[in-house]
């Protein structure tokens, strides 16, 4: 999918209420692991308003937290959002 917001400030605000329904997170790990997908689990917001999102990786059977910085979005970055084809 395209970037979820036009700038980092908008994305930080949007993360609080972002709808992960029918979407998954694809995240790249250090070699040799490569890309893996996960489903949204929950999020926490600290006292400063910073949102940390937690995702469940079924292959590893573990939850991992990600801050999902917008500047790291994209296939040349660290993470992307994927969505099920609506035509399927």
PDB file of N, CA and C in Angstrom:
ATOM      1  N   UNK A   1       0.838  -1.183   0.000  1.00  0.00           N
ATOM      2  CA  UNK A   1       0.000   0.000   0.000  1.00  0.00           C
ATOM      3  C   UNK A   1       0.876   1.236   0.000  1.00  0.00           C
ATOM      4  N   UNK A   2       0.281   2.362  -0.370  1.00  0.00           N
ATOM      5  CA  UNK A   2       0.981   3.636  -0.301  1.00  0.00           C
ATOM      6  C   UNK A   2       1.307   3.966   1.148  1.00  0.00           C
ATOM      7  N   UNK A   3       2.167   4.956   1.347  1.00  0.00           N
ATOM      8  CA  UNK A   3       2.459   5.403   2.709  1.00  0.00           C
ATOM      9  C   UNK A   3       1.152   5.744   3.408  1.00  0.00           C
ATOM     10  N   UNK A   4       1.050   5.430   4.690  1.00  0.00           N
ATOM     11  CA  UNK A   4      -0.213   5.656   5.394  1.00  0.00           C
ATOM     12  C   UNK A   4      -0.521   7.122   5.693  1.00  0.00           C
ATOM     13  N   UNK A   5       0.452   8.016   5.500  1.00  0.00           N
ATOM     14  CA  UNK A   5       0.239   9.452   5.740  1.00  0.00           C
ATOM     15  C   UNK A   5       1.256  10.228   4.920  1.00  0.00           C
ATOM     16  N   UNK A   6       0.982  11.519   4.725  1.00  0.00           N
ATOM     17  CA  UNK A   6       1.873  12.355   3.920  1.00  0.00           C
ATOM     18  C   UNK A   6       3.124  12.777   4.662  1.00  0.00           C
ATOM     19  N   UNK A   7       3.045  12.850   5.988  1.00  0.00           N
ATOM     20  CA  UNK A   7       4.223  13.257   6.754  1.00  0.00           C
ATOM     21  C   UNK A   7       4.212  12.556   8.110  1.00  0.00           C
ATOM     22  N   UNK A   8       5.362  12.609   8.780  1.00  0.00           N
ATOM     23  CA  UNK A   8       5.524  11.881  10.045  1.00  0.00           C
ATOM     24  C   UNK A   8       4.564  12.373  11.128  1.00  0.00           C
ATOM     25  N   UNK A   9       4.308  13.662  11.186  1.00  0.00           N
ATOM     26  CA  UNK A   9       3.397  14.200  12.210  1.00  0.00           C
ATOM     27  C   UNK A   9       1.981  13.672  12.011  1.00  0.00           C
ATOM     28  N   UNK A  10       1.517  13.647  10.758  1.00  0.00           N
ATOM     29  CA  UNK A  10       0.182  13.110  10.477  1.00  0.00           C
ATOM     30  C   UNK A  10       0.106  11.623  10.809  1.00  0.00           C
ATOM     31  N   UNK A  11       1.163  10.869  10.498  1.00  0.00           N
ATOM     32  CA  UNK A  11       1.182   9.458  10.792  1.00  0.00           C
ATOM     33  C   UNK A  11       1.180   9.217  12.302  1.00  0.00           C
ATOM     34  N   UNK A  12       1.956   9.978  13.046  1.00  0.00           N
ATOM     35  CA  UNK A  12       1.972   9.828  14.503  1.00  0.00           C
ATOM     36  C   UNK A  12       0.578  10.037  15.087  1.00  0.00           C
ATOM     37  N   UNK A  13      -0.157  11.009  14.563  1.00  0.00           N
ATOM     38  CA  UNK A  13      -1.522  11.266  15.041  1.00  0.00           C
ATOM     39  C   UNK A  13      -2.471  10.154  14.595  1.00  0.00           C
ATOM     40  N   UNK A  14      -2.295   9.665  13.378  1.00  0.00           N
ATOM     41  CA  UNK A  14      -3.172   8.641  12.820  1.00  0.00           C
ATOM     42  C   UNK A  14      -2.973   7.278  13.484  1.00  0.00           C
ATOM     43  N   UNK A  15      -1.747   6.988  13.942  1.00  0.00           N
ATOM     44  CA  UNK A  15      -1.468   5.679  14.547  1.00  0.00           C
ATOM     45  C   UNK A  15      -2.402   5.365  15.710  1.00  0.00           C
ATOM     46  N   UNK A  16      -2.836   6.391  16.428  1.00  0.00           N
ATOM     47  CA  UNK A  16      -3.701   6.182  17.594  1.00  0.00           C
ATOM     48  C   UNK A  16      -4.997   5.479  17.206  1.00  0.00           C
ATOM     49  N   UNK A  17      -5.523   5.784  16.023  1.00  0.00           N
ATOM     50  CA  UNK A  17      -6.813   5.212  15.620  1.00  0.00           C
ATOM     51  C   UNK A  17      -6.745   4.452  14.295  1.00  0.00           C
ATOM     52  N   UNK A  18      -5.545   4.124  13.827  1.00  0.00           N
ATOM     53  CA  UNK A  18      -5.399   3.461  12.528  1.00  0.00           C
ATOM     54  C   UNK A  18      -6.137   2.127  12.523  1.00  0.00           C
ATOM     55  N   UNK A  19      -6.877   1.873  11.465  1.00  0.00           N
ATOM     56  CA  UNK A  19      -7.663   0.642  11.339  1.00  0.00           C
ATOM     57  C   UNK A  19      -6.818  -0.430  10.635  1.00  0.00           C
ATOM     58  N   UNK A  20      -6.464  -1.473  11.361  1.00  0.00           N
ATOM     59  CA  UNK A  20      -5.655  -2.560  10.824  1.00  0.00           C
ATOM     60  C   UNK A  20      -6.509  -3.694  10.258  1.00  0.00           C
ATOM     61  N   UNK A  21      -7.820  -3.536  10.259  1.00  0.00           N
ATOM     62  CA  UNK A  21      -8.705  -4.583   9.759  1.00  0.00           C
ATOM     63  C   UNK A  21      -8.377  -4.891   8.297  1.00  0.00           C
ATOM     64  N   UNK A  22      -8.249  -6.191   7.988  1.00  0.00           N
ATOM     65  CA  UNK A  22      -7.915  -6.678   6.641  1.00  0.00           C
ATOM     66  C   UNK A  22      -6.546  -6.228   6.154  1.00  0.00           C
ATOM     67  N   UNK A  23      -5.694  -5.804   7.072  1.00  0.00           N
ATOM     68  CA  UNK A  23      -4.336  -5.380   6.720  1.00  0.00           C
ATOM     69  C   UNK A  23      -3.356  -6.137   7.592  1.00  0.00           C
ATOM     70  N   UNK A  24      -2.136  -6.255   7.099  1.00  0.00           N
ATOM     71  CA  UNK A  24      -1.068  -6.892   7.854  1.00  0.00           C
ATOM     72  C   UNK A  24       0.175  -6.026   7.745  1.00  0.00           C
ATOM     73  N   UNK A  25       1.049  -6.212   8.702  1.00  0.00           N
ATOM     74  CA  UNK A  25       2.337  -5.545   8.693  1.00  0.00           C
ATOM     75  C   UNK A  25       3.355  -6.505   8.104  1.00  0.00           C
ATOM     76  N   UNK A  26       4.132  -6.035   7.152  1.00  0.00           N
ATOM     77  CA  UNK A  26       5.290  -6.783   6.662  1.00  0.00           C
ATOM     78  C   UNK A  26       6.511  -6.009   7.136  1.00  0.00           C
ATOM     79  N   UNK A  27       7.407  -6.705   7.816  1.00  0.00           N
ATOM     80  CA  UNK A  27       8.586  -6.079   8.429  1.00  0.00           C
ATOM     81  C   UNK A  27       9.809  -6.882   8.023  1.00  0.00           C
ATOM     82  N   UNK A  28      10.896  -6.186   7.724  1.00  0.00           N
ATOM     83  CA  UNK A  28      12.125  -6.894   7.363  1.00  0.00           C
ATOM     84  C   UNK A  28      13.029  -6.981   8.579  1.00  0.00           C
ATOM     85  N   UNK A  29      13.550  -8.164   8.804  1.00  0.00           N
ATOM     86  CA  UNK A  29      14.443  -8.435   9.930  1.00  0.00           C
ATOM     87  C   UNK A  29      15.873  -8.553   9.419  1.00  0.00           C
ATOM     88  N   UNK A  30      16.797  -8.542  10.334  1.00  0.00           N
ATOM     89  CA  UNK A  30      18.208  -8.696   9.970  1.00  0.00           C
ATOM     90  C   UNK A  30      18.424 -10.032   9.254  1.00  0.00           C
ATOM     91  N   UNK A  31      19.378 -10.068   8.300  1.00  0.00           N
ATOM     92  CA  UNK A  31      19.689 -11.335   7.631  1.00  0.00           C
ATOM     93  C   UNK A  31      20.093 -12.387   8.662  1.00  0.00           C
ATOM     94  N   UNK A  32      19.750 -13.598   8.468  1.00  0.00           N
ATOM     95  CA  UNK A  32      19.184 -14.191   7.250  1.00  0.00           C
ATOM     96  C   UNK A  32      17.665 -14.271   7.264  1.00  0.00           C
ATOM     97  N   UNK A  33      16.990 -13.591   8.175  1.00  0.00           N
ATOM     98  CA  UNK A  33      15.558 -13.779   8.359  1.00  0.00           C
ATOM     99  C   UNK A  33      14.688 -13.147   7.278  1.00  0.00           C
ATOM    100  N   UNK A  34      15.003 -11.947   6.825  1.00  0.00           N
ATOM    101  CA  UNK A  34      14.229 -11.315   5.762  1.00  0.00           C
ATOM    102  C   UNK A  34      12.857 -10.841   6.208  1.00  0.00           C
ATOM    103  N   UNK A  35      11.939 -10.741   5.244  1.00  0.00           N
ATOM    104  CA  UNK A  35      10.599 -10.229   5.478  1.00  0.00           C
ATOM    105  C   UNK A  35       9.721 -11.271   6.177  1.00  0.00           C
ATOM    106  N   UNK A  36       8.841 -10.785   7.044  1.00  0.00           N
ATOM    107  CA  UNK A  36       7.832 -11.624   7.685  1.00  0.00           C
ATOM    108  C   UNK A  36       6.589 -10.762   7.881  1.00  0.00           C
ATOM    109  N   UNK A  37       5.440 -11.400   7.924  1.00  0.00           N
ATOM    110  CA  UNK A  37       4.190 -10.661   8.110  1.00  0.00           C
ATOM    111  C   UNK A  37       3.600 -10.957   9.477  1.00  0.00           C
ATOM    112  N   UNK A  38       2.796 -10.016   9.940  1.00  0.00           N
ATOM    113  CA  UNK A  38       2.171 -10.154  11.252  1.00  0.00           C
ATOM    114  C   UNK A  38       0.810  -9.478  11.239  1.00  0.00           C
ATOM    115  N   UNK A  39       0.052  -9.766  12.267  1.00  0.00           N
ATOM    116  CA  UNK A  39      -1.241  -9.114  12.438  1.00  0.00           C
ATOM    117  C   UNK A  39      -1.174  -8.197  13.659  1.00  0.00           C
ATOM    118  N   UNK A  40      -1.945  -7.135  13.608  1.00  0.00           N
ATOM    119  CA  UNK A  40      -1.989  -6.174  14.709  1.00  0.00           C
ATOM    120  C   UNK A  40      -2.554  -6.859  15.946  1.00  0.00           C
ATOM    121  N   UNK A  41      -1.947  -6.587  17.112  1.00  0.00           N
ATOM    122  CA  UNK A  41      -2.413  -7.169  18.363  1.00  0.00           C
ATOM    123  C   UNK A  41      -2.992  -6.098  19.274  1.00  0.00           C
ATOM    124  N   UNK A  42      -2.188  -5.096  19.637  1.00  0.00           N
ATOM    125  CA  UNK A  42      -2.659  -3.997  20.476  1.00  0.00           C
ATOM    126  C   UNK A  42      -1.622  -2.874  20.442  1.00  0.00           C
ATOM    127  N   UNK A  43      -1.933  -1.773  21.108  1.00  0.00           N
ATOM    128  CA  UNK A  43      -0.975  -0.671  21.178  1.00  0.00           C
ATOM    129  C   UNK A  43      -0.992  -0.045  22.552  1.00  0.00           C
ATOM    130  N   UNK A  44       0.125   0.579  22.898  1.00  0.00           N
ATOM    131  CA  UNK A  44       0.267   1.316  24.147  1.00  0.00           C
ATOM    132  C   UNK A  44       0.681   2.744  23.816  1.00  0.00           C
ATOM    133  N   UNK A  45       0.207   3.675  24.602  1.00  0.00           N
ATOM    134  CA  UNK A  45       0.601   5.064  24.469  1.00  0.00           C
ATOM    135  C   UNK A  45       1.252   5.493  25.780  1.00  0.00           C
ATOM    136  N   UNK A  46       2.487   6.016  25.690  1.00  0.00           N
ATOM    137  CA  UNK A  46       3.177   6.415  26.919  1.00  0.00           C
ATOM    138  C   UNK A  46       2.724   7.803  27.367  1.00  0.00           C
ATOM    139  N   UNK A  47       3.264   8.272  28.478  1.00  0.00           N
ATOM    140  CA  UNK A  47       2.865   9.555  29.060  1.00  0.00           C
ATOM    141  C   UNK A  47       3.143  10.734  28.131  1.00  0.00           C
ATOM    142  N   UNK A  48       4.085  10.569  27.195  1.00  0.00           N
ATOM    143  CA  UNK A  48       4.411  11.642  26.245  1.00  0.00           C
ATOM    144  C   UNK A  48       3.567  11.569  24.972  1.00  0.00           C
ATOM    145  N   UNK A  49       2.663  10.586  24.908  1.00  0.00           N
ATOM    146  CA  UNK A  49       1.809  10.449  23.737  1.00  0.00           C
ATOM    147  C   UNK A  49       2.413   9.606  22.630  1.00  0.00           C
ATOM    148  N   UNK A  50       3.574   8.991  22.865  1.00  0.00           N
ATOM    149  CA  UNK A  50       4.198   8.138  21.854  1.00  0.00           C
ATOM    150  C   UNK A  50       3.481   6.797  21.803  1.00  0.00           C
ATOM    151  N   UNK A  51       3.121   6.381  20.600  1.00  0.00           N
ATOM    152  CA  UNK A  51       2.371   5.147  20.404  1.00  0.00           C
ATOM    153  C   UNK A  51       3.319   4.030  19.981  1.00  0.00           C
ATOM    154  N   UNK A  52       3.243   2.914  20.670  1.00  0.00           N
ATOM    155  CA  UNK A  52       3.970   1.710  20.288  1.00  0.00           C
ATOM    156  C   UNK A  52       2.939   0.650  19.952  1.00  0.00           C
ATOM    157  N   UNK A  53       3.083   0.073  18.771  1.00  0.00           N
ATOM    158  CA  UNK A  53       2.129  -0.928  18.333  1.00  0.00           C
ATOM    159  C   UNK A  53       2.753  -2.312  18.444  1.00  0.00           C
ATOM    160  N   UNK A  54       1.920  -3.278  18.821  1.00  0.00           N
ATOM    161  CA  UNK A  54       2.372  -4.649  19.000  1.00  0.00           C
ATOM    162  C   UNK A  54       1.719  -5.538  17.949  1.00  0.00           C
ATOM    163  N   UNK A  55       2.524  -6.413  17.378  1.00  0.00           N
ATOM    164  CA  UNK A  55       2.076  -7.287  16.301  1.00  0.00           C
ATOM    165  C   UNK A  55       2.419  -8.723  16.633  1.00  0.00           C
ATOM    166  N   UNK A  56       1.550  -9.630  16.216  1.00  0.00           N
ATOM    167  CA  UNK A  56       1.745 -11.052  16.452  1.00  0.00           C
ATOM    168  C   UNK A  56       2.293 -11.689  15.186  1.00  0.00           C
ATOM    169  N   UNK A  57       3.468 -12.281  15.319  1.00  0.00           N
ATOM    170  CA  UNK A  57       4.100 -13.008  14.225  1.00  0.00           C
ATOM    171  C   UNK A  57       3.811 -14.486  14.433  1.00  0.00           C
ATOM    172  N   UNK A  58       2.962 -15.049  13.581  1.00  0.00           N
ATOM    173  CA  UNK A  58       2.528 -16.434  13.792  1.00  0.00           C
ATOM    174  C   UNK A  58       3.663 -17.424  13.580  1.00  0.00           C
ATOM    175  N   UNK A  59       4.576 -17.133  12.655  1.00  0.00           N
ATOM    176  CA  UNK A  59       5.673 -18.075  12.399  1.00  0.00           C
ATOM    177  C   UNK A  59       6.555 -18.214  13.635  1.00  0.00           C
ATOM    178  N   UNK A  60       6.830 -17.099  14.312  1.00  0.00           N
ATOM    179  CA  UNK A  60       7.666 -17.124  15.515  1.00  0.00           C
ATOM    180  C   UNK A  60       6.838 -17.340  16.780  1.00  0.00           C
ATOM    181  N   UNK A  61       5.506 -17.215  16.634  1.00  0.00           N
ATOM    182  CA  UNK A  61       4.597 -17.323  17.779  1.00  0.00           C
ATOM    183  C   UNK A  61       4.983 -16.345  18.888  1.00  0.00           C
ATOM    184  N   UNK A  62       5.306 -15.125  18.477  1.00  0.00           N
ATOM    185  CA  UNK A  62       5.709 -14.101  19.429  1.00  0.00           C
ATOM    186  C   UNK A  62       5.095 -12.763  19.044  1.00  0.00           C
ATOM    187  N   UNK A  63       4.939 -11.913  20.062  1.00  0.00           N
ATOM    188  CA  UNK A  63       4.528 -10.529  19.850  1.00  0.00           C
ATOM    189  C   UNK A  63       5.774  -9.666  19.851  1.00  0.00           C
ATOM    190  N   UNK A  64       5.813  -8.704  18.933  1.00  0.00           N
ATOM    191  CA  UNK A  64       6.914  -7.748  18.854  1.00  0.00           C
ATOM    192  C   UNK A  64       6.325  -6.351  18.787  1.00  0.00           C
ATOM    193  N   UNK A  65       7.023  -5.411  19.370  1.00  0.00           N
ATOM    194  CA  UNK A  65       6.578  -4.020  19.300  1.00  0.00           C
ATOM    195  C   UNK A  65       7.348  -3.296  18.210  1.00  0.00           C
ATOM    196  N   UNK A  66       6.666  -2.353  17.583  1.00  0.00           N
ATOM    197  CA  UNK A  66       7.275  -1.534  16.534  1.00  0.00           C
ATOM    198  C   UNK A  66       6.777  -0.106  16.690  1.00  0.00           C
ATOM    199  N   UNK A  67       7.674   0.850  16.515  1.00  0.00           N
ATOM    200  CA  UNK A  67       7.254   2.249  16.547  1.00  0.00           C
ATOM    201  C   UNK A  67       6.766   2.704  15.169  1.00  0.00           C
ATOM    202  N   UNK A  68       7.120   1.973  14.120  1.00  0.00           N
ATOM    203  CA  UNK A  68       6.661   2.236  12.751  1.00  0.00           C
ATOM    204  C   UNK A  68       6.875   3.687  12.331  1.00  0.00           C
ATOM    205  N   UNK A  69       8.113   4.087  12.306  1.00  0.00           N
ATOM    206  CA  UNK A  69       8.465   5.440  11.857  1.00  0.00           C
ATOM    207  C   UNK A  69       8.179   5.574  10.364  1.00  0.00           C
ATOM    208  N   UNK A  70       7.518   6.631   9.970  1.00  0.00           N
ATOM    209  CA  UNK A  70       7.126   6.828   8.578  1.00  0.00           C
ATOM    210  C   UNK A  70       8.337   6.867   7.652  1.00  0.00           C
ATOM    211  N   UNK A  71       9.450   7.422   8.110  1.00  0.00           N
ATOM    212  CA  UNK A  71      10.642   7.519   7.256  1.00  0.00           C
ATOM    213  C   UNK A  71      11.246   6.145   6.936  1.00  0.00           C
ATOM    214  N   UNK A  72      10.833   5.098   7.641  1.00  0.00           N
ATOM    215  CA  UNK A  72      11.319   3.741   7.377  1.00  0.00           C
ATOM    216  C   UNK A  72      10.304   2.926   6.577  1.00  0.00           C
ATOM    217  N   UNK A  73       9.223   3.572   6.086  1.00  0.00           N
ATOM    218  CA  UNK A  73       8.186   2.866   5.345  1.00  0.00           C
ATOM    219  C   UNK A  73       8.637   2.614   3.911  1.00  0.00           C
ATOM    220  N   UNK A  74       8.278   1.473   3.373  1.00  0.00           N
ATOM    221  CA  UNK A  74       8.530   1.159   1.971  1.00  0.00           C
ATOM    222  C   UNK A  74       9.384  -0.082   1.805  1.00  0.00           C
ATOM    223  N   UNK A  75       9.355  -0.645   0.601  1.00  0.00           N
ATOM    224  CA  UNK A  75      10.098  -1.875   0.350  1.00  0.00           C
ATOM    225  C   UNK A  75      11.603  -1.668   0.456  1.00  0.00           C
ATOM    226  N   UNK A  76      12.063  -0.443   0.334  1.00  0.00           N
ATOM    227  CA  UNK A  76      13.480  -0.152   0.538  1.00  0.00           C
ATOM    228  C   UNK A  76      13.748   0.230   1.986  1.00  0.00           C
ATOM    229  N   UNK A  77      12.709   0.249   2.813  1.00  0.00           N
ATOM    230  CA  UNK A  77      12.824   0.577   4.221  1.00  0.00           C
ATOM    231  C   UNK A  77      12.708  -0.666   5.078  1.00  0.00           C
ATOM    232  N   UNK A  78      11.995  -0.515   6.194  1.00  0.00           N
ATOM    233  CA  UNK A  78      11.894  -1.614   7.160  1.00  0.00           C
ATOM    234  C   UNK A  78      10.508  -2.231   7.263  1.00  0.00           C
ATOM    235  N   UNK A  79       9.482  -1.533   6.775  1.00  0.00           N
ATOM    236  CA  UNK A  79       8.128  -2.063   6.939  1.00  0.00           C
ATOM    237  C   UNK A  79       7.196  -1.527   5.867  1.00  0.00           C
ATOM    238  N   UNK A  80       6.148  -2.291   5.601  1.00  0.00           N
ATOM    239  CA  UNK A  80       5.072  -1.875   4.702  1.00  0.00           C
ATOM    240  C   UNK A  80       3.765  -2.425   5.255  1.00  0.00           C
ATOM    241  N   UNK A  81       2.677  -1.856   4.801  1.00  0.00           N
ATOM    242  CA  UNK A  81       1.350  -2.361   5.120  1.00  0.00           C
ATOM    243  C   UNK A  81       0.858  -3.084   3.878  1.00  0.00           C
ATOM    244  N   UNK A  82       0.373  -4.290   4.077  1.00  0.00           N
ATOM    245  CA  UNK A  82      -0.198  -5.038   2.970  1.00  0.00           C
ATOM    246  C   UNK A  82      -1.678  -5.262   3.257  1.00  0.00           C
ATOM    247  N   UNK A  83      -2.448  -5.341   2.186  1.00  0.00           N
ATOM    248  CA  UNK A  83      -3.892  -5.482   2.329  1.00  0.00           C
ATOM    249  C   UNK A  83      -4.357  -6.582   1.403  1.00  0.00           C
ATOM    250  N   UNK A  84      -5.319  -7.349   1.851  1.00  0.00           N
ATOM    251  CA  UNK A  84      -5.892  -8.399   1.032  1.00  0.00           C
ATOM    252  C   UNK A  84      -6.529  -7.779  -0.210  1.00  0.00           C
ATOM    253  N   UNK A  85      -6.327  -8.414  -1.334  1.00  0.00           N
ATOM    254  CA  UNK A  85      -6.903  -7.951  -2.581  1.00  0.00           C
ATOM    255  C   UNK A  85      -8.423  -7.914  -2.458  1.00  0.00           C
ATOM    256  N   UNK A  86      -9.012  -6.764  -2.680  1.00  0.00           N
ATOM    257  CA  UNK A  86     -10.456  -6.602  -2.527  1.00  0.00           C
ATOM    258  C   UNK A  86     -11.241  -7.351  -3.594  1.00  0.00           C
ATOM    259  N   UNK A  87     -10.555  -7.742  -4.670  1.00  0.00           N
ATOM    260  CA  UNK A  87     -11.206  -8.485  -5.729  1.00  0.00           C
ATOM    261  C   UNK A  87     -11.299  -9.970  -5.435  1.00  0.00           C
ATOM    262  N   UNK A  88     -10.663 -10.415  -4.371  1.00  0.00           N
ATOM    263  CA  UNK A  88     -10.663 -11.857  -4.047  1.00  0.00           C
ATOM    264  C   UNK A  88     -11.829 -12.246  -3.194  1.00  0.00           C
TER     265      UNK A  88
END
